[in-house]
């Protein structure tokens, strides 16, 4: 069940979800276009995001919280895989990547 922004609850099968995210932990990442830096981050996540014509707000509402809560780093007490980028104050570089569908 997904809760939409309007407060409605809708059932959605994970198999119907077409939006794709490829997530990589990075010490730094930079997006350039034509030799010009468009965006850059220090430590955090570089995310390639593939969106297709059938994706909608429900897909975003489902995937964004999962991305933000994903535990990919050790916690401050050293426990492995216990901290998210958000919890550690790391940055996220999200890049549109339509080729994830080809």
N, C-alpha and C. Protein backbone atom coordinates (compact mmCIF):
# COMPACT_ATOMS: atom_id res chain seq x y z
N UNK A 1 0.84 -1.18 0.00
CA UNK A 1 0.00 0.00 0.00
C UNK A 1 0.89 1.24 0.00
N UNK A 2 0.52 2.19 -0.79
CA UNK A 2 1.24 3.46 -0.84
C UNK A 2 0.32 4.58 -0.43
N UNK A 3 0.83 5.49 0.33
CA UNK A 3 0.06 6.67 0.69
C UNK A 3 0.45 7.79 -0.26
N UNK A 4 -0.53 8.33 -0.97
CA UNK A 4 -0.24 9.38 -1.93
C UNK A 4 -0.24 10.73 -1.23
N UNK A 5 0.19 11.76 -1.94
CA UNK A 5 0.20 13.11 -1.38
C UNK A 5 -1.20 13.58 -1.02
N UNK A 6 -2.20 13.07 -1.73
CA UNK A 6 -3.57 13.49 -1.44
C UNK A 6 -4.15 12.74 -0.25
N UNK A 7 -3.40 11.79 0.31
CA UNK A 7 -3.86 11.06 1.47
C UNK A 7 -4.56 9.75 1.12
N UNK A 8 -4.77 9.47 -0.16
CA UNK A 8 -5.42 8.23 -0.56
C UNK A 8 -4.42 7.08 -0.44
N UNK A 9 -4.94 5.91 -0.16
CA UNK A 9 -4.08 4.74 -0.10
C UNK A 9 -4.38 3.87 -1.31
N UNK A 10 -3.34 3.56 -2.06
CA UNK A 10 -3.50 2.77 -3.28
C UNK A 10 -2.56 1.58 -3.24
N UNK A 11 -3.06 0.44 -3.69
CA UNK A 11 -2.21 -0.75 -3.80
C UNK A 11 -1.44 -0.66 -5.11
N UNK A 12 -0.16 -1.02 -5.07
CA UNK A 12 0.65 -0.99 -6.28
C UNK A 12 1.67 -2.13 -6.19
N UNK A 13 1.71 -2.95 -7.20
CA UNK A 13 2.66 -4.05 -7.24
C UNK A 13 4.04 -3.51 -7.58
N UNK A 14 5.05 -4.02 -6.91
CA UNK A 14 6.42 -3.61 -7.19
C UNK A 14 6.78 -3.96 -8.64
N UNK A 15 6.12 -4.96 -9.20
CA UNK A 15 6.40 -5.36 -10.57
C UNK A 15 5.88 -4.35 -11.59
N UNK A 16 4.99 -3.46 -11.18
CA UNK A 16 4.49 -2.42 -12.07
C UNK A 16 5.38 -1.19 -12.05
N UNK A 17 6.32 -1.14 -11.15
CA UNK A 17 7.20 0.01 -11.01
C UNK A 17 8.27 -0.04 -12.10
N UNK A 18 8.28 0.96 -12.96
CA UNK A 18 9.24 0.97 -14.06
C UNK A 18 10.40 1.93 -13.84
N UNK A 19 10.22 2.94 -12.99
CA UNK A 19 11.30 3.88 -12.72
C UNK A 19 12.48 3.10 -12.15
N UNK A 20 13.68 3.43 -12.62
CA UNK A 20 14.87 2.69 -12.18
C UNK A 20 15.89 3.64 -11.58
N UNK A 21 16.51 3.18 -10.51
CA UNK A 21 17.59 3.93 -9.88
C UNK A 21 18.82 3.03 -9.81
N UNK A 22 19.95 3.57 -10.23
CA UNK A 22 21.24 2.91 -10.06
C UNK A 22 22.01 3.78 -9.07
N UNK A 23 22.36 3.19 -7.93
CA UNK A 23 22.92 3.95 -6.81
C UNK A 23 24.38 3.55 -6.59
N UNK A 24 25.25 4.56 -6.44
CA UNK A 24 26.65 4.29 -6.16
C UNK A 24 27.15 5.20 -5.06
N UNK A 25 27.83 4.62 -4.07
CA UNK A 25 28.49 5.44 -3.05
C UNK A 25 29.70 6.09 -3.68
N UNK A 26 29.92 7.38 -3.38
CA UNK A 26 31.06 8.09 -3.95
C UNK A 26 31.75 8.95 -2.90
N UNK A 27 33.05 9.17 -3.09
CA UNK A 27 33.77 10.16 -2.29
C UNK A 27 33.55 11.54 -2.85
N UNK A 28 33.33 11.60 -4.18
CA UNK A 28 32.96 12.83 -4.86
C UNK A 28 32.40 12.45 -6.23
N UNK A 29 31.60 13.33 -6.80
CA UNK A 29 31.05 13.09 -8.13
C UNK A 29 30.80 14.44 -8.78
N UNK A 30 30.91 14.45 -10.12
CA UNK A 30 30.71 15.69 -10.86
C UNK A 30 29.95 15.38 -12.13
N UNK A 31 28.98 16.22 -12.46
CA UNK A 31 28.23 16.13 -13.70
C UNK A 31 28.66 17.28 -14.59
N UNK A 32 29.17 16.94 -15.78
CA UNK A 32 29.59 17.99 -16.71
C UNK A 32 28.82 17.85 -18.01
N UNK A 33 28.67 18.97 -18.70
CA UNK A 33 28.02 19.00 -20.01
C UNK A 33 28.78 20.01 -20.86
N UNK A 34 29.30 19.55 -21.97
CA UNK A 34 30.06 20.43 -22.84
C UNK A 34 31.26 21.05 -22.17
N UNK A 35 31.88 20.31 -21.25
CA UNK A 35 33.05 20.82 -20.54
C UNK A 35 32.74 21.72 -19.36
N UNK A 36 31.46 22.02 -19.14
CA UNK A 36 31.05 22.88 -18.03
C UNK A 36 30.49 22.03 -16.89
N UNK A 37 30.93 22.28 -15.67
CA UNK A 37 30.40 21.57 -14.51
C UNK A 37 28.98 22.05 -14.23
N UNK A 38 28.05 21.10 -14.26
CA UNK A 38 26.65 21.40 -13.99
C UNK A 38 26.35 21.26 -12.50
N UNK A 39 26.92 20.21 -11.89
CA UNK A 39 26.72 19.97 -10.47
C UNK A 39 27.83 19.08 -9.96
N UNK A 40 28.11 19.17 -8.66
CA UNK A 40 29.11 18.30 -8.06
C UNK A 40 28.81 18.13 -6.59
N UNK A 41 29.27 16.99 -6.05
CA UNK A 41 29.07 16.72 -4.63
C UNK A 41 30.36 16.17 -4.04
N UNK A 42 30.43 16.22 -2.74
CA UNK A 42 31.48 15.52 -2.01
C UNK A 42 30.92 14.14 -1.67
N UNK A 43 31.32 13.58 -0.57
CA UNK A 43 30.90 12.23 -0.18
C UNK A 43 29.38 12.10 -0.19
N UNK A 44 28.90 10.98 -0.75
CA UNK A 44 27.47 10.74 -0.78
C UNK A 44 27.09 9.70 -1.81
N UNK A 45 25.96 9.94 -2.47
CA UNK A 45 25.42 9.01 -3.46
C UNK A 45 25.32 9.68 -4.82
N UNK A 46 25.75 8.96 -5.83
CA UNK A 46 25.51 9.37 -7.21
C UNK A 46 24.44 8.41 -7.71
N UNK A 47 23.30 8.97 -8.14
CA UNK A 47 22.15 8.16 -8.52
C UNK A 47 21.78 8.45 -9.97
N UNK A 48 21.80 7.40 -10.80
CA UNK A 48 21.28 7.49 -12.16
C UNK A 48 19.80 7.13 -12.08
N UNK A 49 18.94 7.98 -12.61
CA UNK A 49 17.50 7.80 -12.51
C UNK A 49 16.89 7.67 -13.90
N UNK A 50 16.32 6.50 -14.17
CA UNK A 50 15.65 6.27 -15.44
C UNK A 50 14.15 6.40 -15.27
N UNK A 51 13.56 7.34 -15.98
CA UNK A 51 12.12 7.60 -15.90
C UNK A 51 11.54 7.35 -17.28
N UNK A 52 10.40 6.67 -17.33
CA UNK A 52 9.74 6.41 -18.60
C UNK A 52 8.36 7.06 -18.61
N UNK A 53 7.71 7.01 -19.76
CA UNK A 53 6.43 7.71 -19.96
C UNK A 53 5.33 7.25 -19.01
N UNK A 54 5.40 6.02 -18.51
CA UNK A 54 4.33 5.52 -17.64
C UNK A 54 4.61 5.78 -16.15
N UNK A 55 5.76 6.34 -15.80
CA UNK A 55 6.05 6.66 -14.40
C UNK A 55 5.23 7.87 -13.96
N UNK A 56 4.92 7.92 -12.68
CA UNK A 56 4.09 9.01 -12.16
C UNK A 56 4.49 9.35 -10.73
N UNK A 57 3.70 10.19 -10.07
CA UNK A 57 4.00 10.63 -8.70
C UNK A 57 4.07 9.46 -7.72
N UNK A 58 3.27 8.43 -7.93
CA UNK A 58 3.30 7.28 -7.03
C UNK A 58 4.66 6.61 -7.05
N UNK A 59 5.27 6.54 -8.22
CA UNK A 59 6.60 5.94 -8.34
C UNK A 59 7.62 6.77 -7.56
N UNK A 60 7.55 8.07 -7.70
CA UNK A 60 8.45 8.97 -6.96
C UNK A 60 8.20 8.84 -5.47
N UNK A 61 6.92 8.84 -5.07
CA UNK A 61 6.56 8.73 -3.65
C UNK A 61 7.05 7.42 -3.04
N UNK A 62 7.18 6.39 -3.85
CA UNK A 62 7.65 5.09 -3.38
C UNK A 62 9.19 5.04 -3.31
N UNK A 63 9.86 5.52 -4.35
CA UNK A 63 11.30 5.37 -4.45
C UNK A 63 12.12 6.37 -3.64
N UNK A 64 11.68 7.61 -3.57
CA UNK A 64 12.49 8.63 -2.87
C UNK A 64 12.70 8.27 -1.40
N UNK A 65 11.66 7.92 -0.64
CA UNK A 65 11.92 7.54 0.75
C UNK A 65 12.84 6.33 0.87
N UNK A 66 12.70 5.36 -0.03
CA UNK A 66 13.59 4.19 0.01
C UNK A 66 15.04 4.60 -0.22
N UNK A 67 15.25 5.49 -1.19
CA UNK A 67 16.61 5.97 -1.47
C UNK A 67 17.18 6.70 -0.25
N UNK A 68 16.39 7.59 0.34
CA UNK A 68 16.87 8.39 1.45
C UNK A 68 17.12 7.57 2.72
N UNK A 69 16.45 6.44 2.86
CA UNK A 69 16.59 5.61 4.06
C UNK A 69 17.55 4.44 3.88
N UNK A 70 18.06 4.23 2.67
CA UNK A 70 18.94 3.09 2.41
C UNK A 70 20.22 3.20 3.22
N UNK A 71 20.52 2.15 3.97
CA UNK A 71 21.68 2.13 4.88
C UNK A 71 22.90 1.58 4.14
N UNK A 72 23.79 2.46 3.71
CA UNK A 72 24.95 2.06 2.92
C UNK A 72 26.29 2.33 3.59
N UNK A 73 26.27 2.90 4.79
CA UNK A 73 27.51 3.22 5.50
C UNK A 73 27.46 2.68 6.92
N UNK A 74 28.65 2.60 7.51
CA UNK A 74 28.73 2.23 8.92
C UNK A 74 28.15 3.36 9.76
N UNK A 75 27.57 2.99 10.89
CA UNK A 75 27.05 4.00 11.81
C UNK A 75 28.21 4.65 12.55
N UNK A 76 27.91 5.70 13.29
CA UNK A 76 28.97 6.41 14.02
C UNK A 76 29.63 5.52 15.07
N UNK A 77 28.93 4.49 15.54
CA UNK A 77 29.54 3.57 16.52
C UNK A 77 30.26 2.40 15.85
N UNK A 78 30.32 2.40 14.51
CA UNK A 78 31.07 1.39 13.78
C UNK A 78 30.26 0.20 13.31
N UNK A 79 28.98 0.13 13.61
CA UNK A 79 28.16 -0.98 13.14
C UNK A 79 28.02 -0.89 11.62
N UNK A 80 28.32 -1.99 10.91
CA UNK A 80 28.29 -1.94 9.45
C UNK A 80 26.88 -1.83 8.88
N UNK A 81 26.77 -1.09 7.78
CA UNK A 81 25.54 -0.96 7.01
C UNK A 81 24.36 -0.49 7.87
N UNK A 82 24.61 0.51 8.71
CA UNK A 82 23.57 0.99 9.62
C UNK A 82 23.21 2.45 9.45
N UNK A 83 23.83 3.18 8.50
CA UNK A 83 23.57 4.62 8.38
C UNK A 83 23.30 4.99 6.92
N UNK A 84 22.36 5.91 6.74
CA UNK A 84 22.01 6.41 5.41
C UNK A 84 22.78 7.69 5.11
N UNK A 85 22.75 8.11 3.86
CA UNK A 85 23.38 9.37 3.46
C UNK A 85 22.75 10.53 4.22
N UNK A 86 21.45 10.49 4.41
CA UNK A 86 20.75 11.56 5.12
C UNK A 86 21.21 11.62 6.58
N UNK A 87 21.29 10.47 7.23
CA UNK A 87 21.70 10.42 8.64
C UNK A 87 23.11 10.96 8.85
N UNK A 88 23.97 10.77 7.85
CA UNK A 88 25.36 11.21 7.96
C UNK A 88 25.60 12.59 7.35
N UNK A 89 24.56 13.19 6.80
CA UNK A 89 24.70 14.52 6.21
C UNK A 89 25.43 14.52 4.87
N UNK A 90 25.44 13.38 4.19
CA UNK A 90 26.10 13.29 2.90
C UNK A 90 25.19 13.85 1.81
N UNK A 91 25.76 14.05 0.63
CA UNK A 91 25.03 14.66 -0.48
C UNK A 91 24.57 13.61 -1.47
N UNK A 92 23.59 13.99 -2.31
CA UNK A 92 23.09 13.11 -3.35
C UNK A 92 23.09 13.87 -4.67
N UNK A 93 23.70 13.26 -5.68
CA UNK A 93 23.68 13.81 -7.04
C UNK A 93 22.79 12.90 -7.87
N UNK A 94 21.64 13.41 -8.29
CA UNK A 94 20.67 12.64 -9.06
C UNK A 94 20.76 13.06 -10.52
N UNK A 95 21.01 12.09 -11.40
CA UNK A 95 21.23 12.37 -12.81
C UNK A 95 20.20 11.61 -13.64
N UNK A 96 19.47 12.32 -14.49
CA UNK A 96 18.53 11.68 -15.39
C UNK A 96 19.30 10.82 -16.39
N UNK A 97 18.87 9.57 -16.54
CA UNK A 97 19.59 8.64 -17.42
C UNK A 97 18.58 7.77 -18.17
N UNK A 98 18.07 8.28 -19.28
CA UNK A 98 17.06 7.55 -20.04
C UNK A 98 17.58 6.26 -20.63
N UNK A 99 18.88 6.12 -20.76
CA UNK A 99 19.43 4.89 -21.37
C UNK A 99 19.27 3.67 -20.47
N UNK A 100 18.79 3.83 -19.26
CA UNK A 100 18.54 2.67 -18.40
C UNK A 100 17.42 1.80 -18.96
N UNK A 101 16.71 2.28 -19.96
CA UNK A 101 15.63 1.53 -20.59
C UNK A 101 16.02 0.93 -21.93
N UNK A 102 17.25 1.10 -22.36
CA UNK A 102 17.65 0.57 -23.67
C UNK A 102 18.67 -0.53 -23.53
